[in-house]
Amino acid sequence: MSQADVCIFCEASKDPAKDQERFVLYRGARNFIILNLYPYISGHLMIAPYAHIGELDAAGKEETDEMMDLAKRCQTALREIYQPDGFNVGMNLGRAGGAGIADHFHMHVMPRWTGDTNFITTVGETRVLPEDLPTTYRKLLPKFNRAS
């Protein structure tokens, strides 16, 4: 398997000892929460199933039920840490649907603020984030380490 064929979600899910370096915040029974390595905005989280599944309708009820529960948990944590004005929660399914990783479906949860511009690249294909990924990870990790 070439480097281009490696699924980032499958790789991130493999070794809990590497969660900090891979920015995995939480491991559920069927899904895990990870920071987006190329965030649109600070606090951009993703929820992915451990199973390498390309389509939402191919996932079992257990995966999708837990995914929604984790989305609610993400929203709560992001609200407590970042105090956003709103949220984007969603999926891009398939290449034509905008999925960057088309073979392993996942859900995005992003805090949003009135007037923010980082959802779209605004100048020279460059995004500006107010904090780096290790800082975001350190801020959010305690919200996922506590009891559900």
Protein backbone atom coordinates (compact mmCIF):
# COMPACT_ATOMS: atom_id res chain seq x y z
CA MET A 1 0.00 0.00 0.00
CA SER A 2 1.48 3.35 -0.98
CA GLN A 3 1.47 6.41 1.28
CA ALA A 4 -1.30 7.87 -0.91
CA ASP A 5 -3.43 4.78 -0.20
CA VAL A 6 -3.19 5.10 3.58
CA CYS A 7 -6.46 6.17 5.21
CA ILE A 8 -5.76 8.90 7.77
CA PHE A 9 -8.72 7.82 9.91
CA CYS A 10 -7.68 4.16 9.96
CA GLU A 11 -4.12 5.17 10.84
CA ALA A 12 -5.27 7.54 13.60
CA SER A 13 -7.52 4.87 15.10
CA LYS A 14 -4.80 2.19 15.37
CA ASP A 15 -2.63 3.06 18.36
CA PRO A 16 -4.07 4.82 21.42
CA ALA A 17 -0.50 5.48 22.62
CA LYS A 18 -0.18 7.93 19.71
CA ASP A 19 -3.43 9.81 20.39
CA GLN A 20 -1.69 13.04 21.40
CA GLU A 21 0.55 13.21 18.32
CA ARG A 22 -2.42 12.33 16.09
CA PHE A 23 -4.75 14.75 17.96
CA VAL A 24 -7.28 12.05 18.90
CA LEU A 25 -9.39 13.56 21.69
CA TYR A 26 -11.72 10.71 22.53
CA ARG A 27 -12.31 7.03 21.74
CA GLY A 28 -15.85 5.69 21.90
CA ALA A 29 -16.99 2.13 21.33
CA ARG A 30 -17.45 2.58 17.54
CA ASN A 31 -16.17 6.10 16.72
CA PHE A 32 -13.44 8.48 17.75
CA ILE A 33 -13.08 12.27 17.86
CA ILE A 34 -10.05 13.88 16.24
CA LEU A 35 -8.92 17.41 15.41
CA ASN A 36 -8.92 18.25 11.72
CA LEU A 37 -5.26 18.62 10.69
CA TYR A 38 -6.31 21.23 8.12
CA PRO A 39 -9.01 23.09 10.04
CA TYR A 40 -11.33 25.65 8.55
CA ILE A 41 -11.49 27.30 11.96
CA SER A 42 -10.06 26.77 15.45
CA GLY A 43 -11.86 23.92 17.18
CA HIS A 44 -12.69 22.05 13.94
CA LEU A 45 -13.41 18.49 15.10
CA MET A 46 -14.19 15.32 13.19
CA ILE A 47 -15.94 12.16 14.32
CA ALA A 48 -15.06 8.99 12.40
CA PRO A 49 -16.01 5.35 12.82
CA TYR A 50 -13.22 2.86 13.46
CA ALA A 51 -14.62 0.79 10.58
CA HIS A 52 -13.40 1.82 7.13
CA ILE A 53 -16.83 2.65 5.69
CA GLY A 54 -17.23 4.98 2.72
CA GLU A 55 -20.96 5.72 2.86
CA LEU A 56 -23.30 6.76 5.65
CA ASP A 57 -25.98 4.33 4.55
CA ALA A 58 -23.49 1.45 4.79
CA ALA A 59 -22.89 2.11 8.50
CA GLY A 60 -24.77 0.26 11.20
CA LYS A 61 -27.18 1.89 13.61
CA GLU A 62 -24.62 1.50 16.41
CA GLU A 63 -22.05 3.60 14.52
CA THR A 64 -24.47 6.34 13.56
CA ASP A 65 -26.20 6.50 16.96
CA GLU A 66 -22.88 6.88 18.74
CA MET A 67 -21.70 9.40 16.14
CA MET A 68 -24.67 11.65 16.89
CA ASP A 69 -24.10 11.31 20.64
CA LEU A 70 -20.47 12.30 20.11
CA ALA A 71 -21.53 15.26 17.93
CA LYS A 72 -23.60 16.53 20.85
CA ARG A 73 -20.63 16.04 23.16
CA CYS A 74 -18.42 17.98 20.73
CA GLN A 75 -20.91 20.82 20.59
CA THR A 76 -21.02 21.04 24.39
CA ALA A 77 -17.22 21.02 24.70
CA LEU A 78 -16.74 23.60 21.94
CA ARG A 79 -19.40 25.86 23.47
CA GLU A 80 -17.71 25.70 26.89
CA ILE A 81 -14.20 26.38 25.58
CA TYR A 82 -14.79 28.78 22.67
CA GLN A 83 -18.21 30.39 23.30
CA PRO A 84 -19.14 30.41 19.57
CA ASP A 85 -22.21 32.10 18.11
CA GLY A 86 -23.20 28.95 16.20
CA PHE A 87 -22.00 25.65 14.74
CA ASN A 88 -21.60 23.80 11.47
CA VAL A 89 -22.23 20.06 11.76
CA GLY A 90 -22.19 17.90 8.67
CA MET A 91 -20.71 15.44 6.22
CA ASN A 92 -19.40 15.54 2.69
CA LEU A 93 -20.06 12.15 1.11
CA GLY A 94 -18.16 11.08 -2.01
CA ARG A 95 -15.71 13.12 -4.09
CA ALA A 96 -18.52 14.92 -5.91
CA GLY A 97 -20.00 15.80 -2.50
CA GLY A 98 -16.75 17.47 -1.46
CA ALA A 99 -15.24 14.70 0.68
CA GLY A 100 -11.48 15.06 1.06
CA ILE A 101 -11.37 11.48 2.38
CA ALA A 102 -14.07 9.84 0.30
CA ASP A 103 -13.51 6.22 1.37
CA HIS A 104 -14.01 6.75 5.13
CA PHE A 105 -17.05 8.80 6.02
CA HIS A 106 -16.80 11.23 8.93
CA MET A 107 -18.69 14.11 10.50
CA HIS A 108 -17.37 17.65 10.95
CA VAL A 109 -18.27 19.76 13.98
CA MET A 110 -17.09 23.38 13.83
CA PRO A 111 -17.67 26.37 16.07
CA ARG A 112 -18.66 29.54 14.20
CA TRP A 113 -18.66 33.22 15.08
CA THR A 114 -20.59 36.05 13.50
CA GLY A 115 -18.32 37.59 10.88
CA ASP A 116 -15.69 34.83 10.81
CA THR A 117 -14.10 34.25 7.42
CA ASN A 118 -12.11 31.04 7.80
CA PHE A 119 -14.85 28.77 6.49
CA ILE A 120 -13.71 29.70 3.00
CA THR A 121 -10.20 30.55 1.94
CA THR A 122 -10.22 34.30 1.51
CA VAL A 123 -6.78 35.39 0.32
CA GLY A 124 -4.15 33.47 -1.62
CA GLU A 125 -5.48 30.03 -0.63
CA THR A 126 -4.36 30.75 2.96
CA ARG A 127 -6.25 30.22 6.19
CA VAL A 128 -5.32 32.07 9.36
CA LEU A 129 -6.06 30.40 12.68
CA PRO A 130 -5.71 32.12 16.05
CA GLU A 131 -4.16 29.04 17.68
CA ASP A 132 -2.10 26.02 16.66
CA LEU A 133 -3.35 22.43 16.86
CA PRO A 134 -1.44 21.50 20.05
CA THR A 135 -3.07 24.45 21.83
CA THR A 136 -6.54 23.44 20.62
CA TYR A 137 -5.87 19.86 21.71
CA ARG A 138 -4.75 20.94 25.20
CA LYS A 139 -7.84 23.12 25.61
CA LEU A 140 -10.34 20.46 24.52
CA LEU A 141 -8.82 17.27 25.95
CA PRO A 142 -10.08 17.81 29.53
CA LYS A 143 -13.66 18.09 28.21
CA PHE A 144 -13.41 14.60 26.74
CA ASN A 145 -11.50 12.97 29.61
CA ARG A 146 -14.27 13.60 32.11
CA ALA A 147 -17.15 11.17 32.60
CA SER A 148 -19.77 11.17 29.86
